Amino acid sequence: MMFRIIRSIIKLGEIIQDEVDKELYNIPKIQQQLLELHMEYEMEEIDEETFIEREQELLDRYRIAKEREKDESSDG
């Protein structure tokens, strides 16, 4: 009985992790966020330091997303 509960909790955690990854590494969403970030900077809504930090985070996520996409397509 306890083993089933633990197994169910682990499975739920895996499902949640998959959904988070899909959201975090969604290429079109990252591209949109980069565009919005550039607009915020050009409109002087954020300073250069904030822009650079957030841009780097988004570019890192984009790179990872592209690597995952490549790995998924090669796995067939």
PDB file of N, CA and C in Angstrom:
ATOM      1  N   MET A   1       0.821  -1.195   0.000  1.00  0.00           N
ATOM      2  CA  MET A   1       0.000   0.000   0.000  1.00  0.00           C
ATOM      3  C   MET A   1       0.867   1.263   0.000  1.00  0.00           C
ATOM      4  N   MET A   2       1.797   1.334   0.922  1.00  0.00           N
ATOM      5  CA  MET A   2       2.660   2.512   1.023  1.00  0.00           C
ATOM      6  C   MET A   2       3.513   2.657  -0.226  1.00  0.00           C
ATOM      7  N   PHE A   3       3.942   1.538  -0.790  1.00  0.00           N
ATOM      8  CA  PHE A   3       4.757   1.573  -2.001  1.00  0.00           C
ATOM      9  C   PHE A   3       3.985   2.206  -3.150  1.00  0.00           C
ATOM     10  N   ARG A   4       2.700   1.887  -3.280  1.00  0.00           N
ATOM     11  CA  ARG A   4       1.870   2.477  -4.336  1.00  0.00           C
ATOM     12  C   ARG A   4       1.727   3.981  -4.162  1.00  0.00           C
ATOM     13  N   ILE A   5       1.560   4.405  -2.934  1.00  0.00           N
ATOM     14  CA  ILE A   5       1.439   5.839  -2.662  1.00  0.00           C
ATOM     15  C   ILE A   5       2.726   6.550  -3.054  1.00  0.00           C
ATOM     16  N   ILE A   6       3.845   5.990  -2.658  1.00  0.00           N
ATOM     17  CA  ILE A   6       5.140   6.591  -2.992  1.00  0.00           C
ATOM     18  C   ILE A   6       5.343   6.616  -4.502  1.00  0.00           C
ATOM     19  N   ARG A   7       5.005   5.517  -5.156  1.00  0.00           N
ATOM     20  CA  ARG A   7       5.144   5.447  -6.607  1.00  0.00           C
ATOM     21  C   ARG A   7       4.241   6.481  -7.299  1.00  0.00           C
ATOM     22  N   SER A   8       3.039   6.674  -6.779  1.00  0.00           N
ATOM     23  CA  SER A   8       2.114   7.667  -7.331  1.00  0.00           C
ATOM     24  C   SER A   8       2.653   9.085  -7.150  1.00  0.00           C
ATOM     25  N   ILE A   9       3.230   9.352  -5.998  1.00  0.00           N
ATOM     26  CA  ILE A   9       3.811  10.670  -5.739  1.00  0.00           C
ATOM     27  C   ILE A   9       4.983  10.927  -6.677  1.00  0.00           C
ATOM     28  N   ILE A  10       5.817   9.931  -6.878  1.00  0.00           N
ATOM     29  CA  ILE A  10       6.954  10.068  -7.796  1.00  0.00           C
ATOM     30  C   ILE A  10       6.451  10.322  -9.210  1.00  0.00           C
ATOM     31  N   LYS A  11       5.442   9.584  -9.642  1.00  0.00           N
ATOM     32  CA  LYS A  11       4.876   9.762 -10.981  1.00  0.00           C
ATOM     33  C   LYS A  11       4.301  11.169 -11.137  1.00  0.00           C
ATOM     34  N   LEU A  12       3.599  11.641 -10.134  1.00  0.00           N
ATOM     35  CA  LEU A  12       3.051  12.998 -10.163  1.00  0.00           C
ATOM     36  C   LEU A  12       4.177  14.024 -10.278  1.00  0.00           C
ATOM     37  N   GLY A  13       5.240  13.821  -9.534  1.00  0.00           N
ATOM     38  CA  GLY A  13       6.397  14.715  -9.621  1.00  0.00           C
ATOM     39  C   GLY A  13       7.001  14.737 -11.011  1.00  0.00           C
ATOM     40  N   GLU A  14       7.074  13.579 -11.652  1.00  0.00           N
ATOM     41  CA  GLU A  14       7.605  13.500 -13.014  1.00  0.00           C
ATOM     42  C   GLU A  14       6.706  14.233 -14.001  1.00  0.00           C
ATOM     43  N   ILE A  15       5.401  14.095 -13.831  1.00  0.00           N
ATOM     44  CA  ILE A  15       4.457  14.796 -14.712  1.00  0.00           C
ATOM     45  C   ILE A  15       4.585  16.305 -14.546  1.00  0.00           C
ATOM     46  N   ILE A  16       4.661  16.749 -13.308  1.00  0.00           N
ATOM     47  CA  ILE A  16       4.825  18.183 -13.038  1.00  0.00           C
ATOM     48  C   ILE A  16       6.127  18.688 -13.639  1.00  0.00           C
ATOM     49  N   GLN A  17       7.212  17.937 -13.477  1.00  0.00           N
ATOM     50  CA  GLN A  17       8.510  18.332 -14.029  1.00  0.00           C
ATOM     51  C   GLN A  17       8.441  18.437 -15.547  1.00  0.00           C
ATOM     52  N   ASP A  18       7.782  17.500 -16.203  1.00  0.00           N
ATOM     53  CA  ASP A  18       7.631  17.547 -17.659  1.00  0.00           C
ATOM     54  C   ASP A  18       6.886  18.801 -18.095  1.00  0.00           C
ATOM     55  N   GLU A  19       5.819  19.140 -17.384  1.00  0.00           N
ATOM     56  CA  GLU A  19       5.034  20.326 -17.737  1.00  0.00           C
ATOM     57  C   GLU A  19       5.837  21.606 -17.518  1.00  0.00           C
ATOM     58  N   VAL A  20       6.580  21.655 -16.433  1.00  0.00           N
ATOM     59  CA  VAL A  20       7.425  22.826 -16.155  1.00  0.00           C
ATOM     60  C   VAL A  20       8.477  22.973 -17.253  1.00  0.00           C
ATOM     61  N   ASP A  21       9.102  21.866 -17.634  1.00  0.00           N
ATOM     62  CA  ASP A  21      10.113  21.905 -18.694  1.00  0.00           C
ATOM     63  C   ASP A  21       9.518  22.379 -20.012  1.00  0.00           C
ATOM     64  N   LYS A  22       8.318  21.893 -20.341  1.00  0.00           N
ATOM     65  CA  LYS A  22       7.661  22.325 -21.581  1.00  0.00           C
ATOM     66  C   LYS A  22       7.439  23.824 -21.583  1.00  0.00           C
ATOM     67  N   GLU A  23       7.033  24.364 -20.452  1.00  0.00           N
ATOM     68  CA  GLU A  23       6.775  25.799 -20.343  1.00  0.00           C
ATOM     69  C   GLU A  23       8.086  26.594 -20.359  1.00  0.00           C
ATOM     70  N   LEU A  24       9.061  26.131 -19.611  1.00  0.00           N
ATOM     71  CA  LEU A  24      10.324  26.842 -19.467  1.00  0.00           C
ATOM     72  C   LEU A  24      11.134  26.849 -20.758  1.00  0.00           C
ATOM     73  N   TYR A  25      11.055  25.772 -21.525  1.00  0.00           N
ATOM     74  CA  TYR A  25      11.877  25.631 -22.727  1.00  0.00           C
ATOM     75  C   TYR A  25      11.044  25.689 -24.010  1.00  0.00           C
ATOM     76  N   ASN A  26       9.947  26.435 -23.968  1.00  0.00           N
ATOM     77  CA  ASN A  26       9.089  26.630 -25.125  1.00  0.00           C
ATOM     78  C   ASN A  26       9.726  27.708 -26.010  1.00  0.00           C
ATOM     79  N   ILE A  27      10.246  27.296 -27.175  1.00  0.00           N
ATOM     80  CA  ILE A  27      11.011  28.205 -28.038  1.00  0.00           C
ATOM     81  C   ILE A  27      10.214  29.441 -28.459  1.00  0.00           C
ATOM     82  N   PRO A  28       8.992  29.296 -28.974  1.00  0.00           N
ATOM     83  CA  PRO A  28       8.245  30.512 -29.345  1.00  0.00           C
ATOM     84  C   PRO A  28       8.010  31.452 -28.153  1.00  0.00           C
ATOM     85  N   LYS A  29       7.774  30.881 -26.986  1.00  0.00           N
ATOM     86  CA  LYS A  29       7.568  31.712 -25.795  1.00  0.00           C
ATOM     87  C   LYS A  29       8.854  32.464 -25.423  1.00  0.00           C
ATOM     88  N   ILE A  30       9.986  31.791 -25.512  1.00  0.00           N
ATOM     89  CA  ILE A  30      11.271  32.437 -25.210  1.00  0.00           C
ATOM     90  C   ILE A  30      11.523  33.563 -26.213  1.00  0.00           C
ATOM     91  N   GLN A  31      11.248  33.309 -27.482  1.00  0.00           N
ATOM     92  CA  GLN A  31      11.431  34.337 -28.507  1.00  0.00           C
ATOM     93  C   GLN A  31      10.556  35.552 -28.216  1.00  0.00           C
ATOM     94  N   GLN A  32       9.320  35.310 -27.811  1.00  0.00           N
ATOM     95  CA  GLN A  32       8.410  36.404 -27.468  1.00  0.00           C
ATOM     96  C   GLN A  32       8.926  37.182 -26.259  1.00  0.00           C
ATOM     97  N   GLN A  33       9.437  36.470 -25.279  1.00  0.00           N
ATOM     98  CA  GLN A  33       9.976  37.130 -24.090  1.00  0.00           C
ATOM     99  C   GLN A  33      11.204  37.966 -24.437  1.00  0.00           C
ATOM    100  N   LEU A  34      12.034  37.485 -25.353  1.00  0.00           N
ATOM    101  CA  LEU A  34      13.195  38.271 -25.791  1.00  0.00           C
ATOM    102  C   LEU A  34      12.753  39.550 -26.486  1.00  0.00           C
ATOM    103  N   LEU A  35      11.747  39.431 -27.334  1.00  0.00           N
ATOM    104  CA  LEU A  35      11.218  40.600 -28.031  1.00  0.00           C
ATOM    105  C   LEU A  35      10.665  41.620 -27.036  1.00  0.00           C
ATOM    106  N   GLU A  36       9.894  41.145 -26.077  1.00  0.00           N
ATOM    107  CA  GLU A  36       9.328  42.028 -25.061  1.00  0.00           C
ATOM    108  C   GLU A  36      10.429  42.679 -24.228  1.00  0.00           C
ATOM    109  N   LEU A  37      11.454  41.922 -23.915  1.00  0.00           N
ATOM    110  CA  LEU A  37      12.576  42.454 -23.145  1.00  0.00           C
ATOM    111  C   LEU A  37      13.271  43.582 -23.900  1.00  0.00           C
ATOM    112  N   HIS A  38      13.502  43.374 -25.189  1.00  0.00           N
ATOM    113  CA  HIS A  38      14.144  44.418 -25.992  1.00  0.00           C
ATOM    114  C   HIS A  38      13.274  45.670 -26.060  1.00  0.00           C
ATOM    115  N   MET A  39      11.986  45.472 -26.166  1.00  0.00           N
ATOM    116  CA  MET A  39      11.072  46.627 -26.194  1.00  0.00           C
ATOM    117  C   MET A  39      11.121  47.384 -24.869  1.00  0.00           C
ATOM    118  N   GLU A  40      11.114  46.651 -23.756  1.00  0.00           N
ATOM    119  CA  GLU A  40      11.189  47.290 -22.445  1.00  0.00           C
ATOM    120  C   GLU A  40      12.464  48.116 -22.315  1.00  0.00           C
ATOM    121  N   TYR A  41      13.558  47.572 -22.807  1.00  0.00           N
ATOM    122  CA  TYR A  41      14.835  48.281 -22.716  1.00  0.00           C
ATOM    123  C   TYR A  41      14.829  49.525 -23.605  1.00  0.00           C
ATOM    124  N   GLU A  42      14.357  49.376 -24.838  1.00  0.00           N
ATOM    125  CA  GLU A  42      14.330  50.514 -25.762  1.00  0.00           C
ATOM    126  C   GLU A  42      13.396  51.618 -25.273  1.00  0.00           C
ATOM    127  N   MET A  43      12.353  51.232 -24.555  1.00  0.00           N
ATOM    128  CA  MET A  43      11.427  52.224 -24.015  1.00  0.00           C
ATOM    129  C   MET A  43      11.877  52.724 -22.643  1.00  0.00           C
ATOM    130  N   GLU A  44      13.061  52.315 -22.242  1.00  0.00           N
ATOM    131  CA  GLU A  44      13.688  52.711 -20.986  1.00  0.00           C
ATOM    132  C   GLU A  44      12.851  52.333 -19.764  1.00  0.00           C
ATOM    133  N   GLU A  45      12.155  51.201 -19.866  1.00  0.00           N
ATOM    134  CA  GLU A  45      11.391  50.699 -18.733  1.00  0.00           C
ATOM    135  C   GLU A  45      12.277  49.890 -17.787  1.00  0.00           C
ATOM    136  N   ILE A  46      13.414  49.400 -18.313  1.00  0.00           N
ATOM    137  CA  ILE A  46      14.384  48.682 -17.492  1.00  0.00           C
ATOM    138  C   ILE A  46      15.771  49.235 -17.793  1.00  0.00           C
ATOM    139  N   ASP A  47      16.679  49.115 -16.827  1.00  0.00           N
ATOM    140  CA  ASP A  47      18.034  49.607 -17.044  1.00  0.00           C
ATOM    141  C   ASP A  47      18.881  48.561 -17.778  1.00  0.00           C
ATOM    142  N   GLU A  48      20.071  48.975 -18.165  1.00  0.00           N
ATOM    143  CA  GLU A  48      20.937  48.103 -18.956  1.00  0.00           C
ATOM    144  C   GLU A  48      21.342  46.844 -18.191  1.00  0.00           C
ATOM    145  N   GLU A  49      21.629  46.981 -16.919  1.00  0.00           N
ATOM    146  CA  GLU A  49      22.046  45.823 -16.116  1.00  0.00           C
ATOM    147  C   GLU A  49      20.935  44.765 -16.063  1.00  0.00           C
ATOM    148  N   THR A  50      19.723  45.202 -15.823  1.00  0.00           N
ATOM    149  CA  THR A  50      18.578  44.290 -15.795  1.00  0.00           C
ATOM    150  C   THR A  50      18.387  43.638 -17.157  1.00  0.00           C
ATOM    151  N   PHE A  51      18.498  44.440 -18.197  1.00  0.00           N
ATOM    152  CA  PHE A  51      18.354  43.932 -19.555  1.00  0.00           C
ATOM    153  C   PHE A  51      19.367  42.830 -19.827  1.00  0.00           C
ATOM    154  N   ILE A  52      20.625  43.083 -19.511  1.00  0.00           N
ATOM    155  CA  ILE A  52      21.691  42.115 -19.782  1.00  0.00           C
ATOM    156  C   ILE A  52      21.461  40.819 -19.004  1.00  0.00           C
ATOM    157  N   GLU A  53      21.095  40.943 -17.739  1.00  0.00           N
ATOM    158  CA  GLU A  53      20.852  39.746 -16.912  1.00  0.00           C
ATOM    159  C   GLU A  53      19.699  38.914 -17.467  1.00  0.00           C
ATOM    160  N   ARG A  54      18.580  39.569 -17.743  1.00  0.00           N
ATOM    161  CA  ARG A  54      17.400  38.845 -18.227  1.00  0.00           C
ATOM    162  C   ARG A  54      17.627  38.294 -19.630  1.00  0.00           C
ATOM    163  N   GLU A  55      18.334  39.044 -20.463  1.00  0.00           N
ATOM    164  CA  GLU A  55      18.621  38.559 -21.807  1.00  0.00           C
ATOM    165  C   GLU A  55      19.478  37.290 -21.742  1.00  0.00           C
ATOM    166  N   GLN A  56      20.479  37.296 -20.874  1.00  0.00           N
ATOM    167  CA  GLN A  56      21.344  36.127 -20.742  1.00  0.00           C
ATOM    168  C   GLN A  56      20.557  34.907 -20.265  1.00  0.00           C
ATOM    169  N   GLU A  57      19.673  35.112 -19.309  1.00  0.00           N
ATOM    170  CA  GLU A  57      18.835  34.010 -18.830  1.00  0.00           C
ATOM    171  C   GLU A  57      17.993  33.433 -19.973  1.00  0.00           C
ATOM    172  N   LEU A  58      17.375  34.316 -20.746  1.00  0.00           N
ATOM    173  CA  LEU A  58      16.534  33.857 -21.854  1.00  0.00           C
ATOM    174  C   LEU A  58      17.364  33.171 -22.936  1.00  0.00           C
ATOM    175  N   LEU A  59      18.537  33.705 -23.233  1.00  0.00           N
ATOM    176  CA  LEU A  59      19.390  33.082 -24.245  1.00  0.00           C
ATOM    177  C   LEU A  59      19.891  31.713 -23.784  1.00  0.00           C
ATOM    178  N   ASP A  60      20.168  31.589 -22.493  1.00  0.00           N
ATOM    179  CA  ASP A  60      20.559  30.280 -21.949  1.00  0.00           C
ATOM    180  C   ASP A  60      19.417  29.278 -22.097  1.00  0.00           C
ATOM    181  N   ARG A  61      18.200  29.703 -21.755  1.00  0.00           N
ATOM    182  CA  ARG A  61      17.033  28.823 -21.914  1.00  0.00           C
ATOM    183  C   ARG A  61      16.807  28.473 -23.378  1.00  0.00           C
ATOM    184  N   TYR A  62      17.013  29.434 -24.263  1.00  0.00           N
ATOM    185  CA  TYR A  62      16.836  29.195 -25.695  1.00  0.00           C
ATOM    186  C   TYR A  62      17.842  28.147 -26.186  1.00  0.00           C
ATOM    187  N   ARG A  63      19.078  28.289 -25.762  1.00  0.00           N
ATOM    188  CA  ARG A  63      20.118  27.337 -26.159  1.00  0.00           C
ATOM    189  C   ARG A  63      19.764  25.919 -25.691  1.00  0.00           C
ATOM    190  N   ILE A  64      19.347  25.815 -24.452  1.00  0.00           N
ATOM    191  CA  ILE A  64      18.955  24.510 -23.908  1.00  0.00           C
ATOM    192  C   ILE A  64      17.762  23.955 -24.675  1.00  0.00           C
ATOM    193  N   ALA A  65      16.789  24.804 -24.969  1.00  0.00           N
ATOM    194  CA  ALA A  65      15.601  24.366 -25.709  1.00  0.00           C
ATOM    195  C   ALA A  65      15.974  23.848 -27.090  1.00  0.00           C
ATOM    196  N   LYS A  66      16.891  24.537 -27.761  1.00  0.00           N
ATOM    197  CA  LYS A  66      17.324  24.086 -29.087  1.00  0.00           C
ATOM    198  C   LYS A  66      18.074  22.757 -28.991  1.00  0.00           C
ATOM    199  N   GLU A  67      18.893  22.592 -27.970  1.00  0.00           N
ATOM    200  CA  GLU A  67      19.598  21.322 -27.769  1.00  0.00           C
ATOM    201  C   GLU A  67      18.601  20.192 -27.515  1.00  0.00           C
ATOM    202  N   ARG A  68      17.590  20.454 -26.703  1.00  0.00           N
ATOM    203  CA  ARG A  68      16.569  19.451 -26.421  1.00  0.00           C
ATOM    204  C   ARG A  68      15.803  19.101 -27.693  1.00  0.00           C
ATOM    205  N   GLU A  69      15.483  20.115 -28.475  1.00  0.00           N
ATOM    206  CA  GLU A  69      14.776  19.892 -29.733  1.00  0.00           C
ATOM    207  C   GLU A  69      15.598  19.009 -30.664  1.00  0.00           C
ATOM    208  N   LYS A  70      16.889  19.295 -30.727  1.00  0.00           N
ATOM    209  CA  LYS A  70      17.781  18.511 -31.568  1.00  0.00           C
ATOM    210  C   LYS A  70      17.867  17.067 -31.069  1.00  0.00           C
ATOM    211  N   ASP A  71      17.991  16.902 -29.763  1.00  0.00           N
ATOM    212  CA  ASP A  71      18.065  15.559 -29.179  1.00  0.00           C
ATOM    213  C   ASP A  71      16.780  14.773 -29.416  1.00  0.00           C
ATOM    214  N   GLU A  72      15.644  15.423 -29.289  1.00  0.00           N
ATOM    215  CA  GLU A  72      14.357  14.761 -29.497  1.00  0.00           C
ATOM    216  C   GLU A  72      14.192  14.327 -30.955  1.00  0.00           C
ATOM    217  N   SER A  73      14.641  15.171 -31.872  1.00  0.00           N
ATOM    218  CA  SER A  73      14.486  14.821 -33.292  1.00  0.00           C
ATOM    219  C   SER A  73      15.448  13.698 -33.695  1.00  0.00           C
ATOM    220  N   SER A  74      16.604  13.614 -33.043  1.00  0.00           N
ATOM    221  CA  SER A  74      17.548  12.549 -33.370  1.00  0.00           C
ATOM    222  C   SER A  74      17.153  11.221 -32.712  1.00  0.00           C
ATOM    223  N   ASP A  75      16.350  11.315 -31.623  1.00  0.00           N
ATOM    224  CA  ASP A  75      15.876  10.094 -30.964  1.00  0.00           C
ATOM    225  C   ASP A  75      14.770   9.426 -31.760  1.00  0.00           C
ATOM    226  N   GLY A  76      14.151  10.200 -32.640  1.00  0.00           N
ATOM    227  CA  GLY A  76      13.203   9.641 -33.561  1.00  0.00           C
ATOM    228  C   GLY A  76      11.834   9.536 -33.148  1.00  0.00           C
TER     229      GLY A  76
END
